[in-house]
Each structure stands twice: as structure tokens, then as C-alpha cells.
Amino acid sequence: MLQTNLTHILSADEHKQFIEQNENVMICCGRMGPMCVPVYGVMEELEGEYEHIEFADMEFDNPEAHVIRNAPECADFMGLPFTVYYKNGKIVKATSSIQTMDQIREVLDEKFNVIVEN
């Protein structure tokens, strides 16, 4: 299990339920490595600001993470983490490698039509 304060998704069934039960979802699929940890930190920080979005992580090496690793939107990804954004159970954006807070905010604001006052 990843050492974050995010919701942990441990199985493909949990993944399916999570994206079906929540309208706006961001899931970061990675390891506790130097490219992933900063993304988890940004997600933990933004979680309180973006109340209409559910944030979670999934361990990349978990066999159940095939639901993200094998998604067509992630087919060409070379670096971790794989970060996937879902709206109403469908992938609306996927990114790979380290992302800054500004890059993540841009996706959240664009894809989930939620503007947060700073």
C-alpha cells in the first residue's frame, strides 16, 4: 500500500465502484518514487480545496492496477506515475510523469469545470 493520506484503491472492483460512485475523480497510479511522491503531495494539498473532486491513489505494481496500466489513454506512457482523471466514470484526461501543482490545477479546472478562488 502506498504511504499517502489519499484514499487507497486496492482492486479493480474498488476502482470501478469509485469512478462510478463519484462524478469527478483523479487517481494517481504509481510507486513511492521521486516522480510520484510530489504528485501525491499536490493531490493531498488540493483535496481540501476541490471538494467536488475525489482524489485517490493506486499502487502501480499491484496486478489489479491493470485497469489503469492497460487503459488505451495510457498506452504510450513511459514514466510514472500514470494520473487519470474521470468524469462520470469515463476517462477525460490522462498524464504521465511528474506534474506540478499548476499543471494539475489546469486539468482539474478544465475537465471538471470547477474554479477555485485562491
N, C-alpha and C. Protein backbone atom coordinates (compact mmCIF):
# COMPACT_ATOMS: atom_id res chain seq x y z
N MET A 1 0.84 -1.17 0.00
CA MET A 1 0.00 0.00 0.00
C MET A 1 0.89 1.25 0.00
N LEU A 2 0.47 2.24 -0.75
CA LEU A 2 1.23 3.48 -0.83
C LEU A 2 1.11 4.27 0.48
N GLN A 3 2.18 4.95 0.83
CA GLN A 3 2.22 5.70 2.09
C GLN A 3 1.79 7.15 1.84
N THR A 4 0.50 7.33 1.59
CA THR A 4 -0.06 8.66 1.37
C THR A 4 -1.29 8.81 2.27
N ASN A 5 -1.81 10.02 2.32
CA ASN A 5 -3.05 10.27 3.06
C ASN A 5 -4.26 10.27 2.13
N LEU A 6 -4.07 9.78 0.92
CA LEU A 6 -5.15 9.70 -0.06
C LEU A 6 -5.96 8.43 0.16
N THR A 7 -7.13 8.38 -0.44
CA THR A 7 -7.91 7.14 -0.47
C THR A 7 -7.12 6.13 -1.29
N HIS A 8 -6.97 4.92 -0.76
CA HIS A 8 -6.22 3.86 -1.46
C HIS A 8 -7.20 2.95 -2.20
N ILE A 9 -6.96 2.75 -3.47
CA ILE A 9 -7.75 1.81 -4.26
C ILE A 9 -6.91 0.56 -4.42
N LEU A 10 -7.44 -0.56 -3.96
CA LEU A 10 -6.65 -1.78 -3.88
C LEU A 10 -7.03 -2.84 -4.91
N SER A 11 -8.19 -2.68 -5.56
CA SER A 11 -8.61 -3.71 -6.51
C SER A 11 -9.32 -3.08 -7.70
N ALA A 12 -9.43 -3.86 -8.76
CA ALA A 12 -10.15 -3.39 -9.95
C ALA A 12 -11.62 -3.14 -9.62
N ASP A 13 -12.20 -3.95 -8.73
CA ASP A 13 -13.59 -3.74 -8.33
C ASP A 13 -13.75 -2.44 -7.55
N GLU A 14 -12.80 -2.15 -6.65
CA GLU A 14 -12.85 -0.88 -5.91
C GLU A 14 -12.71 0.30 -6.87
N HIS A 15 -11.83 0.16 -7.86
CA HIS A 15 -11.63 1.20 -8.87
C HIS A 15 -12.94 1.47 -9.60
N LYS A 16 -13.59 0.41 -10.03
CA LYS A 16 -14.85 0.53 -10.77
C LYS A 16 -15.90 1.24 -9.92
N GLN A 17 -16.05 0.81 -8.69
CA GLN A 17 -17.02 1.43 -7.78
C GLN A 17 -16.70 2.90 -7.55
N PHE A 18 -15.43 3.20 -7.34
CA PHE A 18 -15.01 4.57 -7.01
C PHE A 18 -15.33 5.53 -8.16
N ILE A 19 -15.02 5.12 -9.39
CA ILE A 19 -15.27 6.03 -10.52
C ILE A 19 -16.75 6.09 -10.89
N GLU A 20 -17.50 5.04 -10.56
CA GLU A 20 -18.94 5.06 -10.84
C GLU A 20 -19.72 5.84 -9.79
N GLN A 21 -19.25 5.83 -8.55
CA GLN A 21 -19.98 6.48 -7.45
C GLN A 21 -19.63 7.95 -7.28
N ASN A 22 -18.58 8.42 -7.94
CA ASN A 22 -18.14 9.79 -7.82
C ASN A 22 -18.08 10.43 -9.20
N GLU A 23 -18.66 11.62 -9.33
CA GLU A 23 -18.72 12.28 -10.64
C GLU A 23 -17.34 12.67 -11.15
N ASN A 24 -16.51 13.28 -10.29
CA ASN A 24 -15.19 13.79 -10.68
C ASN A 24 -14.12 13.09 -9.86
N VAL A 25 -13.17 12.45 -10.54
CA VAL A 25 -12.17 11.62 -9.85
C VAL A 25 -10.80 11.84 -10.47
N MET A 26 -9.79 11.91 -9.59
CA MET A 26 -8.39 11.92 -10.00
C MET A 26 -7.70 10.77 -9.28
N ILE A 27 -7.12 9.85 -10.06
CA ILE A 27 -6.39 8.72 -9.48
C ILE A 27 -4.95 8.75 -9.98
N CYS A 28 -4.02 8.69 -9.04
CA CYS A 28 -2.60 8.64 -9.37
C CYS A 28 -2.12 7.22 -9.12
N CYS A 29 -1.63 6.59 -10.18
CA CYS A 29 -1.16 5.20 -10.13
C CYS A 29 0.36 5.21 -10.21
N GLY A 30 1.01 4.87 -9.11
CA GLY A 30 2.47 4.95 -9.12
C GLY A 30 3.10 4.15 -8.00
N ARG A 31 4.31 4.59 -7.66
CA ARG A 31 5.10 3.99 -6.58
C ARG A 31 5.50 5.11 -5.63
N MET A 32 6.26 4.79 -4.62
CA MET A 32 6.76 5.81 -3.70
C MET A 32 8.13 6.29 -4.20
N GLY A 33 8.19 6.71 -5.45
CA GLY A 33 9.43 7.14 -6.07
C GLY A 33 9.49 8.64 -6.28
N PRO A 34 10.62 9.13 -6.78
CA PRO A 34 10.84 10.58 -6.89
C PRO A 34 9.94 11.29 -7.89
N MET A 35 9.36 10.61 -8.84
CA MET A 35 8.45 11.24 -9.78
C MET A 35 7.00 11.20 -9.29
N CYS A 36 6.71 10.25 -8.42
CA CYS A 36 5.34 10.04 -7.94
C CYS A 36 5.03 10.82 -6.66
N VAL A 37 5.94 10.80 -5.71
CA VAL A 37 5.69 11.41 -4.40
C VAL A 37 5.25 12.88 -4.51
N PRO A 38 5.89 13.69 -5.37
CA PRO A 38 5.41 15.08 -5.48
C PRO A 38 3.96 15.19 -5.96
N VAL A 39 3.53 14.29 -6.83
CA VAL A 39 2.15 14.31 -7.33
C VAL A 39 1.19 13.97 -6.19
N TYR A 40 1.54 12.96 -5.38
CA TYR A 40 0.69 12.64 -4.22
C TYR A 40 0.59 13.85 -3.29
N GLY A 41 1.70 14.54 -3.08
CA GLY A 41 1.71 15.71 -2.20
C GLY A 41 0.79 16.80 -2.71
N VAL A 42 0.83 17.06 -4.01
CA VAL A 42 -0.06 18.06 -4.61
C VAL A 42 -1.51 17.63 -4.43
N MET A 43 -1.79 16.37 -4.67
CA MET A 43 -3.16 15.87 -4.53
C MET A 43 -3.65 16.04 -3.09
N GLU A 44 -2.80 15.71 -2.12
CA GLU A 44 -3.18 15.86 -0.71
C GLU A 44 -3.47 17.32 -0.39
N GLU A 45 -2.69 18.22 -0.94
CA GLU A 45 -2.87 19.65 -0.70
C GLU A 45 -4.16 20.17 -1.36
N LEU A 46 -4.45 19.70 -2.56
CA LEU A 46 -5.61 20.18 -3.30
C LEU A 46 -6.93 19.55 -2.85
N GLU A 47 -6.83 18.43 -2.17
CA GLU A 47 -8.04 17.68 -1.77
C GLU A 47 -9.02 18.55 -0.98
N GLY A 48 -8.52 19.40 -0.10
CA GLY A 48 -9.39 20.26 0.69
C GLY A 48 -9.98 21.41 -0.09
N GLU A 49 -9.31 21.82 -1.17
CA GLU A 49 -9.79 22.94 -1.99
C GLU A 49 -10.84 22.51 -3.00
N TYR A 50 -10.65 21.36 -3.59
CA TYR A 50 -11.55 20.88 -4.65
C TYR A 50 -12.50 19.85 -4.06
N GLU A 51 -13.54 20.36 -3.40
CA GLU A 51 -14.46 19.49 -2.68
C GLU A 51 -15.35 18.65 -3.59
N HIS A 52 -15.45 19.01 -4.86
CA HIS A 52 -16.28 18.26 -5.81
C HIS A 52 -15.49 17.22 -6.59
N ILE A 53 -14.27 16.99 -6.16
CA ILE A 53 -13.41 16.01 -6.82
C ILE A 53 -12.91 15.03 -5.76
N GLU A 54 -12.93 13.75 -6.11
CA GLU A 54 -12.40 12.71 -5.22
C GLU A 54 -11.00 12.35 -5.68
N PHE A 55 -10.06 12.31 -4.74
CA PHE A 55 -8.66 12.02 -5.03
C PHE A 55 -8.31 10.65 -4.45
N ALA A 56 -7.55 9.87 -5.21
CA ALA A 56 -7.16 8.54 -4.73
C ALA A 56 -5.84 8.13 -5.37
N ASP A 57 -5.24 7.09 -4.78
CA ASP A 57 -4.04 6.52 -5.37
C ASP A 57 -4.24 5.03 -5.59
N MET A 58 -3.39 4.47 -6.43
CA MET A 58 -3.40 3.03 -6.69
C MET A 58 -1.95 2.62 -6.95
N GLU A 59 -1.54 1.53 -6.34
CA GLU A 59 -0.16 1.08 -6.47
C GLU A 59 0.07 0.47 -7.86
N PHE A 60 1.03 1.03 -8.57
CA PHE A 60 1.31 0.62 -9.95
C PHE A 60 1.62 -0.87 -10.07
N ASP A 61 2.35 -1.41 -9.10
CA ASP A 61 2.79 -2.81 -9.19
C ASP A 61 1.73 -3.81 -8.73
N ASN A 62 0.61 -3.33 -8.26
CA ASN A 62 -0.49 -4.19 -7.89
C ASN A 62 -1.09 -4.76 -9.19
N PRO A 63 -1.21 -6.07 -9.31
CA PRO A 63 -1.80 -6.64 -10.53
C PRO A 63 -3.16 -6.04 -10.87
N GLU A 64 -3.91 -5.62 -9.86
CA GLU A 64 -5.23 -5.04 -10.06
C GLU A 64 -5.17 -3.68 -10.78
N ALA A 65 -4.01 -3.06 -10.79
CA ALA A 65 -3.85 -1.75 -11.43
C ALA A 65 -3.86 -1.85 -12.95
N HIS A 66 -4.09 -3.04 -13.47
CA HIS A 66 -4.19 -3.21 -14.92
C HIS A 66 -5.29 -2.32 -15.50
N VAL A 67 -6.28 -1.98 -14.67
CA VAL A 67 -7.38 -1.13 -15.14
C VAL A 67 -6.87 0.25 -15.55
N ILE A 68 -5.77 0.68 -14.97
CA ILE A 68 -5.15 1.95 -15.36
C ILE A 68 -4.00 1.69 -16.33
N ARG A 69 -3.12 0.77 -15.99
CA ARG A 69 -1.94 0.49 -16.84
C ARG A 69 -2.33 0.15 -18.27
N ASN A 70 -3.44 -0.57 -18.44
CA ASN A 70 -3.84 -1.03 -19.77
C ASN A 70 -4.89 -0.16 -20.44
N ALA A 71 -5.23 0.95 -19.83
CA ALA A 71 -6.20 1.86 -20.45
C ALA A 71 -5.62 2.41 -21.75
N PRO A 72 -6.40 2.48 -22.81
CA PRO A 72 -5.90 2.99 -24.09
C PRO A 72 -5.26 4.38 -23.96
N GLU A 73 -5.79 5.21 -23.07
CA GLU A 73 -5.27 6.56 -22.87
C GLU A 73 -3.86 6.56 -22.27
N CYS A 74 -3.45 5.42 -21.71
CA CYS A 74 -2.13 5.30 -21.08
C CYS A 74 -1.16 4.46 -21.90
N ALA A 75 -1.56 4.03 -23.08
CA ALA A 75 -0.79 3.09 -23.88
C ALA A 75 0.62 3.56 -24.21
N ASP A 76 0.80 4.84 -24.44
CA ASP A 76 2.11 5.35 -24.84
C ASP A 76 2.93 5.91 -23.69
N PHE A 77 2.45 5.77 -22.47
CA PHE A 77 3.16 6.33 -21.33
C PHE A 77 4.44 5.57 -21.04
N MET A 78 5.49 6.31 -20.73
CA MET A 78 6.79 5.71 -20.42
C MET A 78 7.20 5.93 -18.97
N GLY A 79 6.72 7.01 -18.34
CA GLY A 79 7.17 7.34 -16.99
C GLY A 79 6.04 7.34 -15.98
N LEU A 80 6.40 7.04 -14.75
CA LEU A 80 5.43 7.05 -13.65
C LEU A 80 5.39 8.43 -13.03
N PRO A 81 4.30 8.76 -12.39
CA PRO A 81 3.06 8.00 -12.26
C PRO A 81 2.14 8.19 -13.47
N PHE A 82 1.17 7.30 -13.58
CA PHE A 82 0.08 7.46 -14.53
C PHE A 82 -1.04 8.14 -13.74
N THR A 83 -1.45 9.31 -14.16
CA THR A 83 -2.51 10.02 -13.46
C THR A 83 -3.70 10.11 -14.39
N VAL A 84 -4.84 9.62 -13.90
CA VAL A 84 -6.02 9.52 -14.75
C VAL A 84 -7.16 10.30 -14.10
N TYR A 85 -7.84 11.07 -14.92
CA TYR A 85 -8.95 11.91 -14.49
C TYR A 85 -10.24 11.35 -15.10
N TYR A 86 -11.24 11.11 -14.27
CA TYR A 86 -12.50 10.53 -14.71
C TYR A 86 -13.65 11.50 -14.44
N LYS A 87 -14.58 11.57 -15.38
CA LYS A 87 -15.82 12.31 -15.17
C LYS A 87 -16.96 11.35 -15.52
N ASN A 88 -17.85 11.15 -14.57
CA ASN A 88 -18.98 10.23 -14.76
C ASN A 88 -18.52 8.85 -15.23
N GLY A 89 -17.43 8.36 -14.64
CA GLY A 89 -16.93 7.02 -14.94
C GLY A 89 -16.11 6.87 -16.19
N LYS A 90 -15.90 7.95 -16.93
CA LYS A 90 -15.14 7.90 -18.19
C LYS A 90 -13.86 8.71 -18.07
N ILE A 91 -12.79 8.23 -18.69
CA ILE A 91 -11.53 8.97 -18.69
C ILE A 91 -11.67 10.22 -19.55
N VAL A 92 -11.35 11.37 -18.95
CA VAL A 92 -11.39 12.62 -19.70
C VAL A 92 -9.99 13.19 -19.92
N LYS A 93 -9.00 12.66 -19.21
CA LYS A 93 -7.62 13.10 -19.36
C LYS A 93 -6.73 12.10 -18.66
N ALA A 94 -5.53 11.89 -19.21
CA ALA A 94 -4.53 11.05 -18.57
C ALA A 94 -3.16 11.68 -18.81
N THR A 95 -2.32 11.68 -17.77
CA THR A 95 -0.97 12.24 -17.89
C THR A 95 0.01 11.24 -17.30
N SER A 96 1.27 11.42 -17.64
CA SER A 96 2.31 10.58 -17.04
C SER A 96 3.46 11.46 -16.59
N SER A 97 4.25 10.91 -15.71
CA SER A 97 5.42 11.56 -15.13
C SER A 97 4.99 12.64 -14.14
N ILE A 98 5.98 13.30 -13.60
CA ILE A 98 5.74 14.30 -12.56
C ILE A 98 4.91 15.45 -13.12
N GLN A 99 4.03 15.97 -12.31
CA GLN A 99 3.19 17.11 -12.66
C GLN A 99 3.28 18.13 -11.53
N THR A 100 3.33 19.40 -11.91
CA THR A 100 3.36 20.46 -10.90
C THR A 100 1.94 20.77 -10.43
N MET A 101 1.85 21.53 -9.36
CA MET A 101 0.54 21.95 -8.87
C MET A 101 -0.21 22.72 -9.95
N ASP A 102 0.47 23.62 -10.65
CA ASP A 102 -0.18 24.41 -11.69
C ASP A 102 -0.71 23.53 -12.82
N GLN A 103 0.08 22.52 -13.22
CA GLN A 103 -0.37 21.61 -14.28
C GLN A 103 -1.60 20.83 -13.84
N ILE A 104 -1.61 20.37 -12.60
CA ILE A 104 -2.74 19.60 -12.09
C ILE A 104 -3.97 20.50 -11.96
N ARG A 105 -3.80 21.70 -11.42
CA ARG A 105 -4.92 22.65 -11.31
C ARG A 105 -5.53 22.93 -12.68
N GLU A 106 -4.69 23.09 -13.69
CA GLU A 106 -5.17 23.37 -15.04
C GLU A 106 -6.10 22.26 -15.52
N VAL A 107 -5.70 21.01 -15.31
CA VAL A 107 -6.54 19.88 -15.73
C VAL A 107 -7.83 19.85 -14.91
N LEU A 108 -7.72 19.99 -13.60
CA LEU A 108 -8.91 19.94 -12.75
C LEU A 108 -9.91 21.02 -13.14
N ASP A 109 -9.41 22.23 -13.35
CA ASP A 109 -10.30 23.34 -13.71
C ASP A 109 -10.93 23.14 -15.09
N GLU A 110 -10.13 22.66 -16.03
CA GLU A 110 -10.63 22.47 -17.40
C GLU A 110 -11.61 21.31 -17.50
N LYS A 111 -11.25 20.19 -16.94
CA LYS A 111 -12.05 18.96 -17.13
C LYS A 111 -13.25 18.86 -16.19
N PHE A 112 -13.16 19.50 -15.03
CA PHE A 112 -14.24 19.38 -14.06
C PHE A 112 -15.00 20.69 -13.86
N ASN A 113 -14.68 21.68 -14.67
CA ASN A 113 -15.41 22.96 -14.65
C ASN A 113 -15.59 23.52 -13.25
N VAL A 114 -14.56 23.38 -12.45
CA VAL A 114 -14.60 23.90 -11.10
C VAL A 114 -13.46 24.89 -10.95
N ILE A 115 -13.78 26.15 -10.70
CA ILE A 115 -12.77 27.15 -10.49
C ILE A 115 -12.70 27.43 -9.00
N VAL A 116 -11.51 27.30 -8.44
CA VAL A 116 -11.31 27.52 -7.00
C VAL A 116 -10.68 28.89 -6.82
N GLU A 117 -11.26 29.68 -5.93
CA GLU A 117 -10.69 31.00 -5.61
C GLU A 117 -9.49 30.78 -4.70
N ASN A 118 -8.36 31.34 -5.05
CA ASN A 118 -7.15 31.20 -4.20
C ASN A 118 -7.09 32.29 -3.16
